[in-house]
Structures are given as C-alpha cells and as structure tokens.
C-alpha cells in the first residue's frame, strides 16, 4: 500500500517541505524498525501472559487433586464404618464375656475392635487404648454411623454408634450384645468419641 513521505528540499537558500508517495523501500524500513508487540491476551481489562495462564492452570489442578483425594478418603472411611456397623449388628444376641473378642462372645472393646477389624482397621485391645490411638475425636452431636462412643470417667465402657440415636454394645456380665437407644443416662456419662478408618 502507498503512503506519504515528507522530505525537506533546499533550493536557492530556502528549505521547502515536500509531500510525496512513499517508496516500497521506505515502507519496509519503517516496518522493520517498529518493535514487535509481546504476545498477550486481554480479558476484561486484565492482561494475562501465557506464564500467568499456565500458573493458574497448575494451581487449579493441584487444588482439584487435593479435593479429590480428601473425598476418596471420606468415601473409604464411610464404607468401612458401614461394614463395621453391619458386622456388629450380626453379633446382637451373643453373650457378654469379660475379655471376649469373639466370635460368639464379646466384651465392649472386643466387639468394637472386632467389628472394625473386619472392616479392615486394626484397633488396640482396651477402651482407653482405642480412645488414645484413634486421632479423629468427635463430639456427642457430631457422631455419625460407625463412630465409637465412650462412657464414664475412665472411659471404661464403649459402643458403636449406628445412627439415629442408637448404638450397639456388649453391656456387662450376664447380658447380651444389643442395640439400644441413647437416652439421657448415656448422654450424662458420655466421655468422648472417635472415628476410626
């Protein structure tokens, strides 16, 4: 495309400014001298370089990966909790026996430990050891299916929460494994809960 070029011409001691067509050589020289603009993308007033976009994509991927891993852990824990509760329910009617770890007879921690062991989680033997070993502590109101509830000052009794205000436990000598409603007595004597798995 043609353009105009201004040149200065001197004649008889006077300078005259002359406008004329630009030559192809002049146009190429002008284009070559102009600096190249950096490759950028403008979105609603914000200039983003390719480095910014790559960094944002990597950060987003890392966050998504962490969320997915957490969701997988939660799903795995819930599956194990459901299995532990189902196993404990199958023991309803078995007699209590001090030191009993099944099959056929249980004490309270033997039933809890045995149920979670069948779900793939190994727990220590006694109520106090179990409470100390499981890091995830929960409140009375925060208990969900599969959580282990502890009672009395020394945490000498425990049961498996099955949801909707009920738990399965091995009560004491002469009694049998049963499912009970958690009434005011148990709430008053509640001394913590944990979430295995």
N, C-alpha and C. Protein backbone atom coordinates (compact mmCIF):
# COMPACT_ATOMS: atom_id res chain seq x y z
N UNK A 1 0.86 -1.19 0.00
CA UNK A 1 0.00 0.00 0.00
C UNK A 1 0.89 1.23 0.00
N UNK A 2 0.51 2.30 -0.71
CA UNK A 2 1.27 3.54 -0.77
C UNK A 2 0.98 4.43 0.41
N UNK A 3 1.90 5.36 0.70
CA UNK A 3 1.71 6.31 1.77
C UNK A 3 2.43 7.58 1.41
N UNK A 4 2.36 8.57 2.26
CA UNK A 4 3.04 9.83 2.01
C UNK A 4 4.30 9.91 2.84
N UNK A 5 5.34 10.48 2.26
CA UNK A 5 6.59 10.72 2.96
C UNK A 5 6.90 12.19 2.86
N UNK A 6 7.26 12.80 3.98
CA UNK A 6 7.63 14.20 3.99
C UNK A 6 9.15 14.30 3.86
N UNK A 7 9.61 15.09 2.89
CA UNK A 7 11.05 15.30 2.72
C UNK A 7 11.33 16.79 2.67
N UNK A 8 12.51 17.13 3.04
CA UNK A 8 12.91 18.54 3.01
C UNK A 8 13.83 18.74 1.81
N UNK A 9 13.53 19.76 0.98
CA UNK A 9 14.35 20.07 -0.20
C UNK A 9 14.86 21.50 -0.07
N UNK A 10 16.15 21.68 -0.33
CA UNK A 10 16.74 23.02 -0.26
C UNK A 10 16.90 23.57 -1.68
N UNK A 11 16.41 24.80 -1.91
CA UNK A 11 16.59 25.45 -3.21
C UNK A 11 16.76 26.94 -3.00
N UNK A 12 17.82 27.49 -3.58
CA UNK A 12 18.11 28.91 -3.52
C UNK A 12 18.12 29.43 -2.09
N UNK A 13 18.69 28.65 -1.18
CA UNK A 13 18.84 29.11 0.20
C UNK A 13 17.62 28.95 1.05
N UNK A 14 16.51 28.39 0.53
CA UNK A 14 15.29 28.20 1.33
C UNK A 14 14.97 26.72 1.40
N UNK A 15 14.42 26.30 2.53
CA UNK A 15 14.03 24.89 2.72
C UNK A 15 12.54 24.75 2.45
N UNK A 16 12.20 23.75 1.66
CA UNK A 16 10.79 23.52 1.31
C UNK A 16 10.43 22.11 1.75
N UNK A 17 9.29 21.97 2.41
CA UNK A 17 8.80 20.65 2.85
C UNK A 17 7.91 20.10 1.75
N UNK A 18 8.29 18.93 1.23
CA UNK A 18 7.58 18.35 0.09
C UNK A 18 6.95 17.01 0.50
N UNK A 19 5.66 16.81 0.16
CA UNK A 19 4.97 15.54 0.43
C UNK A 19 4.92 14.75 -0.85
N UNK A 20 5.24 13.46 -0.77
CA UNK A 20 5.22 12.64 -1.96
C UNK A 20 4.97 11.19 -1.61
N UNK A 21 4.76 10.33 -2.59
CA UNK A 21 4.48 8.91 -2.33
C UNK A 21 5.69 8.23 -1.71
N UNK A 22 5.37 7.30 -0.75
CA UNK A 22 6.46 6.56 -0.10
C UNK A 22 6.90 5.43 -0.99
N UNK A 23 8.17 5.21 -1.03
CA UNK A 23 8.68 4.11 -1.84
C UNK A 23 8.55 2.81 -1.05
N UNK A 24 8.57 1.68 -1.72
CA UNK A 24 8.47 0.37 -1.08
C UNK A 24 9.61 0.18 -0.11
N UNK A 25 10.79 0.70 -0.45
CA UNK A 25 11.96 0.56 0.42
C UNK A 25 11.73 1.29 1.73
N UNK A 26 11.17 2.51 1.65
CA UNK A 26 10.91 3.30 2.86
C UNK A 26 9.90 2.60 3.75
N UNK A 27 8.84 2.02 3.16
CA UNK A 27 7.82 1.33 3.96
C UNK A 27 8.40 0.12 4.67
N UNK A 28 9.26 -0.67 3.96
CA UNK A 28 9.86 -1.85 4.60
C UNK A 28 10.76 -1.44 5.74
N UNK A 29 11.52 -0.38 5.56
CA UNK A 29 12.43 0.09 6.60
C UNK A 29 11.66 0.55 7.82
N UNK A 30 10.53 1.23 7.59
CA UNK A 30 9.71 1.72 8.72
C UNK A 30 9.13 0.55 9.50
N UNK A 31 8.63 -0.48 8.78
CA UNK A 31 8.06 -1.65 9.47
C UNK A 31 9.13 -2.41 10.22
N UNK A 32 10.32 -2.53 9.65
CA UNK A 32 11.41 -3.28 10.30
C UNK A 32 11.85 -2.58 11.57
N UNK A 33 11.79 -1.26 11.59
CA UNK A 33 12.25 -0.51 12.76
C UNK A 33 11.26 -0.57 13.91
N UNK A 34 9.97 -0.86 13.65
CA UNK A 34 8.96 -0.88 14.71
C UNK A 34 9.15 -2.12 15.58
N UNK A 35 9.13 -1.96 16.93
CA UNK A 35 9.31 -3.12 17.81
C UNK A 35 8.07 -4.02 17.78
N UNK A 36 8.31 -5.35 17.93
CA UNK A 36 7.21 -6.32 17.92
C UNK A 36 6.49 -6.28 19.26
N UNK A 37 5.16 -6.32 19.24
CA UNK A 37 4.38 -6.31 20.48
C UNK A 37 4.42 -7.69 21.11
N UNK A 38 4.50 -7.77 22.45
CA UNK A 38 4.52 -9.08 23.11
C UNK A 38 3.18 -9.79 22.93
N UNK A 39 3.25 -11.15 22.89
CA UNK A 39 2.03 -11.94 22.71
C UNK A 39 1.28 -12.00 24.04
N UNK A 40 0.16 -11.30 24.09
CA UNK A 40 -0.65 -11.29 25.32
C UNK A 40 -2.11 -11.42 24.96
N UNK A 41 -2.92 -11.78 25.95
CA UNK A 41 -4.37 -11.85 25.76
C UNK A 41 -5.01 -10.93 26.78
N UNK A 42 -5.91 -10.06 26.33
CA UNK A 42 -6.58 -9.15 27.27
C UNK A 42 -8.01 -9.62 27.48
N UNK A 43 -8.36 -9.89 28.74
CA UNK A 43 -9.71 -10.31 29.09
C UNK A 43 -10.28 -9.31 30.09
N UNK A 44 -11.31 -8.60 29.70
CA UNK A 44 -11.99 -7.61 30.55
C UNK A 44 -11.00 -6.76 31.34
N UNK A 45 -10.07 -6.17 30.64
CA UNK A 45 -9.16 -5.20 31.26
C UNK A 45 -7.96 -5.80 31.96
N UNK A 46 -7.83 -7.13 32.03
CA UNK A 46 -6.69 -7.74 32.70
C UNK A 46 -5.80 -8.37 31.65
N UNK A 47 -4.54 -8.02 31.64
CA UNK A 47 -3.61 -8.59 30.68
C UNK A 47 -3.02 -9.86 31.26
N UNK A 48 -3.17 -10.98 30.55
CA UNK A 48 -2.67 -12.27 31.01
C UNK A 48 -1.62 -12.75 30.04
N UNK A 49 -0.47 -13.09 30.54
CA UNK A 49 0.56 -13.68 29.69
C UNK A 49 0.39 -15.18 29.71
N UNK A 50 1.06 -15.89 28.81
CA UNK A 50 0.95 -17.35 28.79
C UNK A 50 1.48 -17.95 30.08
N UNK A 51 2.49 -17.30 30.72
CA UNK A 51 3.03 -17.79 32.00
C UNK A 51 1.97 -17.73 33.09
N UNK A 52 1.21 -16.61 33.14
CA UNK A 52 0.14 -16.46 34.14
C UNK A 52 -0.90 -17.54 33.96
N UNK A 53 -1.32 -17.79 32.71
CA UNK A 53 -2.33 -18.80 32.45
C UNK A 53 -1.85 -20.19 32.86
N UNK A 54 -0.60 -20.52 32.58
CA UNK A 54 -0.05 -21.82 32.95
C UNK A 54 -0.01 -21.97 34.46
N UNK A 55 0.42 -20.93 35.17
CA UNK A 55 0.49 -20.96 36.63
C UNK A 55 -0.89 -21.15 37.24
N UNK A 56 -1.89 -20.44 36.71
CA UNK A 56 -3.27 -20.57 37.20
C UNK A 56 -3.79 -21.97 36.97
N UNK A 57 -3.52 -22.54 35.79
CA UNK A 57 -3.97 -23.89 35.48
C UNK A 57 -3.36 -24.91 36.42
N UNK A 58 -2.05 -24.78 36.70
CA UNK A 58 -1.37 -25.72 37.61
C UNK A 58 -1.92 -25.62 39.01
N UNK A 59 -2.18 -24.39 39.50
CA UNK A 59 -2.75 -24.19 40.83
C UNK A 59 -4.12 -24.83 40.92
N UNK A 60 -4.94 -24.60 39.91
CA UNK A 60 -6.29 -25.17 39.87
C UNK A 60 -6.24 -26.69 39.87
N UNK A 61 -5.31 -27.28 39.14
CA UNK A 61 -5.15 -28.73 39.08
C UNK A 61 -4.76 -29.28 40.44
N UNK A 62 -3.84 -28.59 41.14
CA UNK A 62 -3.39 -29.04 42.47
C UNK A 62 -4.53 -29.01 43.47
N UNK A 63 -5.34 -27.95 43.45
CA UNK A 63 -6.49 -27.84 44.36
C UNK A 63 -7.49 -28.95 44.07
N UNK A 64 -7.79 -29.19 42.80
CA UNK A 64 -8.73 -30.24 42.42
C UNK A 64 -8.22 -31.60 42.88
N UNK A 65 -6.92 -31.84 42.75
CA UNK A 65 -6.32 -33.10 43.16
C UNK A 65 -6.45 -33.32 44.67
N UNK A 66 -6.21 -32.25 45.46
CA UNK A 66 -6.34 -32.35 46.92
C UNK A 66 -7.78 -32.64 47.33
N UNK A 67 -8.73 -31.96 46.69
CA UNK A 67 -10.15 -32.17 46.99
C UNK A 67 -10.54 -33.60 46.65
N UNK A 68 -10.10 -34.11 45.51
CA UNK A 68 -10.44 -35.47 45.09
C UNK A 68 -9.87 -36.49 46.06
N UNK A 69 -8.64 -36.29 46.53
CA UNK A 69 -8.01 -37.21 47.48
C UNK A 69 -8.77 -37.21 48.80
N UNK A 70 -9.19 -36.04 49.26
CA UNK A 70 -9.95 -35.95 50.51
C UNK A 70 -11.29 -36.66 50.38
N UNK A 71 -11.97 -36.44 49.25
CA UNK A 71 -13.26 -37.09 49.02
C UNK A 71 -13.11 -38.61 48.98
N UNK A 72 -12.01 -39.08 48.41
CA UNK A 72 -11.76 -40.53 48.34
C UNK A 72 -11.54 -41.10 49.74
N UNK A 73 -10.80 -40.36 50.59
CA UNK A 73 -10.57 -40.82 51.97
C UNK A 73 -11.88 -40.88 52.75
N UNK A 74 -12.72 -39.86 52.59
CA UNK A 74 -14.02 -39.83 53.29
C UNK A 74 -14.89 -40.99 52.83
N UNK A 75 -14.94 -41.24 51.53
CA UNK A 75 -15.75 -42.34 51.00
C UNK A 75 -15.26 -43.68 51.52
N UNK A 76 -13.95 -43.85 51.60
CA UNK A 76 -13.37 -45.10 52.09
C UNK A 76 -13.70 -45.30 53.57
N UNK A 77 -13.62 -44.22 54.37
CA UNK A 77 -13.93 -44.31 55.80
C UNK A 77 -15.40 -44.67 56.00
N UNK A 78 -16.29 -44.06 55.24
CA UNK A 78 -17.73 -44.34 55.36
C UNK A 78 -18.05 -45.79 55.00
N UNK A 79 -17.38 -46.30 53.97
CA UNK A 79 -17.60 -47.68 53.55
C UNK A 79 -17.18 -48.63 54.67
N UNK A 80 -16.02 -48.35 55.29
CA UNK A 80 -15.55 -49.19 56.40
C UNK A 80 -16.49 -49.08 57.60
N UNK A 81 -16.96 -47.86 57.88
CA UNK A 81 -17.87 -47.66 59.02
C UNK A 81 -19.15 -48.46 58.82
N UNK A 82 -19.70 -48.43 57.62
CA UNK A 82 -20.92 -49.20 57.32
C UNK A 82 -20.69 -50.70 57.53
N UNK A 83 -19.52 -51.16 57.11
CA UNK A 83 -19.20 -52.59 57.26
C UNK A 83 -19.08 -52.95 58.74
N UNK A 84 -18.40 -52.09 59.52
CA UNK A 84 -18.23 -52.35 60.96
C UNK A 84 -19.59 -52.42 61.66
N UNK A 85 -20.49 -51.50 61.31
CA UNK A 85 -21.82 -51.48 61.93
C UNK A 85 -22.60 -52.75 61.56
N UNK A 86 -22.54 -53.15 60.30
CA UNK A 86 -23.24 -54.36 59.86
C UNK A 86 -22.70 -55.59 60.58
N UNK A 87 -21.39 -55.63 60.75
CA UNK A 87 -20.79 -56.78 61.46
C UNK A 87 -21.24 -56.79 62.92
N UNK A 88 -21.22 -55.63 63.57
CA UNK A 88 -21.66 -55.55 64.98
C UNK A 88 -23.12 -55.99 65.10
N UNK A 89 -23.96 -55.59 64.15
CA UNK A 89 -25.39 -55.95 64.19
C UNK A 89 -25.58 -57.46 64.12
N UNK A 90 -24.70 -58.14 63.40
CA UNK A 90 -24.80 -59.61 63.30
C UNK A 90 -24.46 -60.30 64.62
N UNK A 91 -23.81 -59.56 65.53
CA UNK A 91 -23.42 -60.16 66.82
C UNK A 91 -24.49 -59.95 67.90
N UNK A 92 -25.55 -59.21 67.56
CA UNK A 92 -26.61 -58.98 68.54
C UNK A 92 -27.15 -60.33 69.02
N UNK A 93 -27.23 -60.44 70.35
CA UNK A 93 -27.69 -61.70 70.96
C UNK A 93 -26.55 -62.54 71.50
N UNK A 94 -25.31 -62.29 71.07
CA UNK A 94 -24.16 -63.02 71.62
C UNK A 94 -23.96 -62.63 73.09
N UNK A 95 -23.50 -63.55 73.94
CA UNK A 95 -23.32 -63.22 75.35
C UNK A 95 -22.10 -62.34 75.60
N UNK A 96 -22.21 -61.53 76.66
CA UNK A 96 -21.06 -60.76 77.13
C UNK A 96 -20.12 -61.71 77.86
N UNK A 97 -18.83 -61.54 77.64
CA UNK A 97 -17.81 -62.27 78.41
C UNK A 97 -16.63 -61.34 78.60
N UNK A 98 -16.21 -61.15 79.84
CA UNK A 98 -15.08 -60.28 80.13
C UNK A 98 -13.86 -60.78 79.36
N UNK A 99 -13.21 -59.89 78.61
CA UNK A 99 -12.06 -60.27 77.80
C UNK A 99 -12.43 -60.91 76.48
N UNK A 100 -13.72 -61.01 76.18
CA UNK A 100 -14.18 -61.68 74.96
C UNK A 100 -13.92 -60.86 73.71
N UNK A 101 -13.31 -61.49 72.73
CA UNK A 101 -13.04 -60.82 71.46
C UNK A 101 -13.70 -61.55 70.30
N UNK A 102 -14.67 -62.46 70.62
CA UNK A 102 -15.41 -63.17 69.61
C UNK A 102 -14.59 -64.27 68.96
N UNK A 103 -15.15 -64.99 68.05
CA UNK A 103 -16.59 -64.95 67.78
C UNK A 103 -17.39 -65.68 68.87
N UNK A 104 -18.63 -65.31 68.99
CA UNK A 104 -19.54 -65.99 69.91
C UNK A 104 -19.73 -65.31 71.25
N UNK A 105 -18.72 -64.57 71.74
CA UNK A 105 -18.88 -63.82 72.99
C UNK A 105 -17.93 -62.62 72.96
N UNK A 106 -18.37 -61.54 73.63
CA UNK A 106 -17.67 -60.27 73.50
C UNK A 106 -17.70 -59.47 74.80
N UNK A 107 -16.66 -58.65 74.97
CA UNK A 107 -16.80 -57.53 75.91
C UNK A 107 -16.93 -56.28 75.05
N UNK A 108 -17.09 -55.11 75.67
CA UNK A 108 -17.41 -53.91 74.88
C UNK A 108 -16.30 -53.54 73.89
N UNK A 109 -15.05 -53.54 74.32
CA UNK A 109 -13.97 -53.16 73.40
C UNK A 109 -13.65 -54.29 72.42
N UNK A 110 -13.91 -55.54 72.85
CA UNK A 110 -13.72 -56.66 71.93
C UNK A 110 -14.67 -56.59 70.76
N UNK A 111 -15.92 -56.19 71.03
CA UNK A 111 -16.93 -56.04 69.97
C UNK A 111 -16.56 -54.89 69.04
N UNK A 112 -16.17 -53.75 69.62
CA UNK A 112 -15.80 -52.58 68.79
C UNK A 112 -14.57 -52.88 67.94
N UNK A 113 -13.54 -53.42 68.59
CA UNK A 113 -12.30 -53.74 67.87
C UNK A 113 -12.52 -54.81 66.82
N UNK A 114 -13.31 -55.83 67.16
CA UNK A 114 -13.58 -56.92 66.22
C UNK A 114 -14.36 -56.45 65.00
N UNK A 115 -15.32 -55.56 65.23
CA UNK A 115 -16.13 -55.04 64.12
C UNK A 115 -15.29 -54.21 63.16
N UNK A 116 -14.46 -53.34 63.71
CA UNK A 116 -13.61 -52.51 62.86
C UNK A 116 -12.49 -53.33 62.22
N UNK A 117 -12.02 -54.37 62.91
CA UNK A 117 -11.00 -55.24 62.31
C UNK A 117 -11.56 -55.93 61.07
N UNK A 118 -12.83 -56.36 61.15
CA UNK A 118 -13.47 -56.99 59.98
C UNK A 118 -13.63 -56.00 58.84
N UNK A 119 -13.68 -54.70 59.18
CA UNK A 119 -13.79 -53.66 58.15
C UNK A 119 -12.43 -53.23 57.63
N UNK A 120 -11.36 -53.85 58.15
CA UNK A 120 -10.02 -53.55 57.64
C UNK A 120 -9.21 -52.57 58.45
N UNK A 121 -9.67 -52.25 59.68
CA UNK A 121 -8.95 -51.30 60.53
C UNK A 121 -8.59 -51.98 61.85
N UNK A 122 -7.31 -52.06 62.13
CA UNK A 122 -6.85 -52.70 63.37
C UNK A 122 -6.84 -51.68 64.51
N UNK A 123 -7.47 -52.04 65.62
CA UNK A 123 -7.52 -51.17 66.80
C UNK A 123 -6.88 -51.88 67.98
N UNK A 124 -6.37 -51.11 68.96
CA UNK A 124 -5.83 -51.74 70.17
C UNK A 124 -6.92 -52.50 70.94
N UNK A 125 -6.55 -53.12 72.04
CA UNK A 125 -7.46 -54.03 72.74
C UNK A 125 -8.44 -53.35 73.70
N UNK A 126 -8.01 -52.39 74.51
CA UNK A 126 -8.87 -51.86 75.57
C UNK A 126 -9.52 -50.53 75.18
N UNK A 127 -10.54 -50.14 75.95
CA UNK A 127 -11.26 -48.89 75.66
C UNK A 127 -10.32 -47.69 75.70
N UNK A 128 -9.50 -47.61 76.75
CA UNK A 128 -8.59 -46.45 76.88
C UNK A 128 -7.56 -46.42 75.75
N UNK A 129 -7.04 -47.58 75.37
CA UNK A 129 -6.06 -47.65 74.28
C UNK A 129 -6.69 -47.23 72.95
N UNK A 130 -7.92 -47.66 72.72
CA UNK A 130 -8.60 -47.31 71.47
C UNK A 130 -8.82 -45.80 71.41
N UNK A 131 -9.31 -45.22 72.51
CA UNK A 131 -9.56 -43.77 72.53
C UNK A 131 -8.27 -42.99 72.24
N UNK A 132 -7.19 -43.43 72.83
CA UNK A 132 -5.90 -42.73 72.66
C UNK A 132 -5.34 -42.91 71.25
N UNK A 133 -5.52 -44.10 70.68
CA UNK A 133 -4.90 -44.43 69.39
C UNK A 133 -5.57 -43.77 68.19
N UNK A 134 -6.89 -43.58 68.27
CA UNK A 134 -7.61 -43.01 67.12
C UNK A 134 -7.56 -41.49 67.21
N UNK A 135 -6.95 -40.86 66.22
CA UNK A 135 -6.69 -39.41 66.28
C UNK A 135 -7.94 -38.55 66.07
N UNK A 136 -8.87 -39.01 65.26
CA UNK A 136 -10.06 -38.20 64.95
C UNK A 136 -11.07 -38.29 66.10
N UNK A 137 -11.17 -37.21 66.90
CA UNK A 137 -12.11 -37.15 68.01
C UNK A 137 -13.38 -36.43 67.55
N UNK A 138 -14.52 -36.86 68.05
CA UNK A 138 -15.79 -36.25 67.68
C UNK A 138 -16.64 -35.98 68.92
N UNK A 139 -17.59 -35.08 68.77
CA UNK A 139 -18.47 -34.71 69.88
C UNK A 139 -19.71 -35.59 69.90
N UNK A 140 -20.50 -35.45 70.94
CA UNK A 140 -21.77 -36.17 71.05
C UNK A 140 -22.66 -35.85 69.85
N UNK A 141 -22.80 -34.57 69.54
CA UNK A 141 -23.65 -34.15 68.42
C UNK A 141 -23.02 -34.45 67.06
N UNK A 142 -21.70 -34.56 67.03
CA UNK A 142 -21.01 -34.79 65.76
C UNK A 142 -20.88 -36.25 65.38
N UNK A 143 -21.37 -37.16 66.24
CA UNK A 143 -21.21 -38.60 65.98
C UNK A 143 -22.00 -39.03 64.74
N UNK A 144 -21.36 -39.88 63.94
CA UNK A 144 -22.01 -40.46 62.76
C UNK A 144 -21.84 -41.98 62.81
N UNK A 145 -22.52 -42.64 61.93
CA UNK A 145 -22.52 -44.10 61.86
C UNK A 145 -21.09 -44.66 61.87
N UNK A 146 -20.84 -45.59 62.79
CA UNK A 146 -19.53 -46.23 62.88
C UNK A 146 -18.61 -45.63 63.93
N UNK A 147 -18.92 -44.43 64.42
CA UNK A 147 -18.08 -43.81 65.46
C UNK A 147 -18.16 -44.63 66.74
N UNK A 148 -17.09 -44.58 67.52
CA UNK A 148 -17.03 -45.31 68.79
C UNK A 148 -17.27 -44.33 69.93
N UNK A 149 -18.26 -44.61 70.77
CA UNK A 149 -18.64 -43.74 71.89
C UNK A 149 -18.11 -44.33 73.19
N UNK A 150 -17.60 -43.44 74.06
CA UNK A 150 -17.01 -43.87 75.33
C UNK A 150 -17.78 -43.27 76.50
N UNK A 151 -17.85 -44.05 77.58
CA UNK A 151 -18.66 -43.64 78.73
C UNK A 151 -17.90 -43.79 80.04
N UNK A 152 -18.32 -42.98 81.01
CA UNK A 152 -17.79 -42.95 82.38
C UNK A 152 -16.41 -42.28 82.42
N UNK A 153 -16.04 -41.86 83.63
CA UNK A 153 -14.84 -41.06 83.83
C UNK A 153 -13.57 -41.68 83.28
N UNK A 154 -13.39 -42.97 83.47
CA UNK A 154 -12.17 -43.62 82.98
C UNK A 154 -12.32 -44.22 81.60
N UNK A 155 -13.42 -43.86 80.91
CA UNK A 155 -13.73 -44.44 79.59
C UNK A 155 -13.67 -45.97 79.68
N UNK A 156 -14.41 -46.51 80.62
CA UNK A 156 -14.38 -47.95 80.87
C UNK A 156 -15.44 -48.72 80.08
N UNK A 157 -16.27 -48.00 79.34
CA UNK A 157 -17.27 -48.68 78.51
C UNK A 157 -17.39 -47.97 77.17
N UNK A 158 -17.74 -48.73 76.15
CA UNK A 158 -17.86 -48.15 74.81
C UNK A 158 -18.88 -48.92 73.99
N UNK A 159 -19.32 -48.27 72.93
CA UNK A 159 -20.23 -48.90 71.98
C UNK A 159 -20.03 -48.32 70.60
N UNK A 160 -20.67 -48.92 69.60
CA UNK A 160 -20.57 -48.46 68.21
C UNK A 160 -21.86 -47.72 67.86
N UNK A 161 -21.71 -46.45 67.49
CA UNK A 161 -22.87 -45.65 67.10
C UNK A 161 -23.38 -46.14 65.75
N UNK A 162 -24.71 -46.35 65.66
CA UNK A 162 -25.27 -46.86 64.41
C UNK A 162 -26.17 -45.85 63.71
N UNK A 163 -26.24 -44.64 64.27
CA UNK A 163 -27.06 -43.59 63.67
C UNK A 163 -28.43 -43.49 64.31
N UNK A 164 -29.07 -42.33 64.11
CA UNK A 164 -30.43 -42.08 64.58
C UNK A 164 -30.59 -42.24 66.10
N UNK A 165 -29.51 -41.97 66.85
CA UNK A 165 -29.59 -42.02 68.31
C UNK A 165 -29.46 -43.40 68.92
N UNK A 166 -28.92 -44.36 68.18
CA UNK A 166 -28.76 -45.74 68.69
C UNK A 166 -27.30 -46.17 68.66
N UNK A 167 -26.97 -47.13 69.52
CA UNK A 167 -25.65 -47.77 69.48
C UNK A 167 -25.79 -49.26 69.76
N UNK A 168 -24.80 -50.02 69.31
CA UNK A 168 -24.71 -51.44 69.62
C UNK A 168 -23.55 -51.60 70.59
N UNK A 169 -23.77 -52.36 71.67
CA UNK A 169 -22.70 -52.59 72.64
C UNK A 169 -22.88 -53.93 73.34
N UNK A 170 -21.80 -54.36 73.98
CA UNK A 170 -21.83 -55.54 74.84
C UNK A 170 -21.88 -54.99 76.27
N UNK A 171 -23.04 -55.05 76.95
CA UNK A 171 -23.25 -54.29 78.18
C UNK A 171 -22.39 -54.73 79.38
N UNK A 172 -22.64 -55.91 79.90
CA UNK A 172 -21.93 -56.35 81.11
C UNK A 172 -22.23 -57.82 81.34
N UNK A 173 -21.58 -58.41 82.35
CA UNK A 173 -21.74 -59.84 82.65
C UNK A 173 -23.20 -60.21 82.81
N UNK A 174 -23.58 -61.34 82.25
CA UNK A 174 -24.95 -61.83 82.33
C UNK A 174 -25.87 -61.25 81.27
N UNK A 175 -25.38 -60.32 80.48
CA UNK A 175 -26.22 -59.70 79.43
C UNK A 175 -25.68 -60.06 78.06
N UNK A 176 -26.41 -59.62 77.06
CA UNK A 176 -26.05 -59.96 75.68
C UNK A 176 -25.85 -58.70 74.83
N UNK A 177 -25.13 -58.87 73.75
CA UNK A 177 -24.92 -57.76 72.81
C UNK A 177 -26.29 -57.28 72.34
N UNK A 178 -26.49 -55.95 72.38
CA UNK A 178 -27.79 -55.42 71.96
C UNK A 178 -27.67 -54.01 71.39
N UNK A 179 -28.73 -53.63 70.71
CA UNK A 179 -28.86 -52.28 70.16
C UNK A 179 -29.76 -51.50 71.10
N UNK A 180 -29.30 -50.31 71.52
CA UNK A 180 -30.06 -49.53 72.49
C UNK A 180 -30.22 -48.08 72.03
N UNK A 181 -31.26 -47.45 72.56
CA UNK A 181 -31.48 -46.01 72.34
C UNK A 181 -30.59 -45.26 73.32
N UNK A 182 -29.88 -44.25 72.83
CA UNK A 182 -29.00 -43.44 73.70
C UNK A 182 -29.84 -42.40 74.42
N UNK A 183 -30.23 -42.71 75.63
CA UNK A 183 -31.08 -41.82 76.42
C UNK A 183 -30.23 -40.84 77.24
N UNK A 184 -30.89 -40.10 78.14
CA UNK A 184 -30.20 -39.11 78.96
C UNK A 184 -29.10 -39.68 79.83
N UNK A 185 -29.27 -40.92 80.28
CA UNK A 185 -28.25 -41.56 81.12
C UNK A 185 -26.92 -41.64 80.37
N UNK A 186 -26.96 -42.08 79.13
CA UNK A 186 -25.73 -42.20 78.34
C UNK A 186 -25.16 -40.84 77.98
N UNK A 187 -26.02 -39.88 77.72
CA UNK A 187 -25.54 -38.53 77.41
C UNK A 187 -24.81 -37.93 78.62
N UNK A 188 -25.36 -38.14 79.82
CA UNK A 188 -24.72 -37.62 81.04
C UNK A 188 -23.37 -38.27 81.30
N UNK A 189 -23.23 -39.53 80.92
CA UNK A 189 -22.00 -40.28 81.19
C UNK A 189 -21.05 -40.36 79.99
N UNK A 190 -21.38 -39.63 78.95
CA UNK A 190 -20.56 -39.61 77.73
C UNK A 190 -19.20 -38.96 78.02
N UNK A 191 -18.12 -39.64 77.58
CA UNK A 191 -16.77 -39.10 77.80
C UNK A 191 -15.93 -39.19 76.51
N UNK A 192 -16.53 -38.83 75.41
CA UNK A 192 -15.77 -38.73 74.16
C UNK A 192 -16.14 -39.77 73.13
N UNK A 193 -15.72 -39.49 71.89
CA UNK A 193 -15.96 -40.40 70.78
C UNK A 193 -14.84 -40.25 69.77
N UNK A 194 -14.63 -41.31 69.00
CA UNK A 194 -13.58 -41.30 67.96
C UNK A 194 -14.15 -41.87 66.67
N UNK A 195 -13.46 -41.52 65.57
CA UNK A 195 -13.86 -42.00 64.24
C UNK A 195 -12.71 -42.77 63.61
N UNK A 196 -12.73 -44.10 63.72
CA UNK A 196 -11.65 -44.90 63.09
C UNK A 196 -11.76 -44.90 61.56
N UNK A 197 -10.76 -45.49 60.94
CA UNK A 197 -10.82 -45.70 59.50
C UNK A 197 -10.23 -44.61 58.69
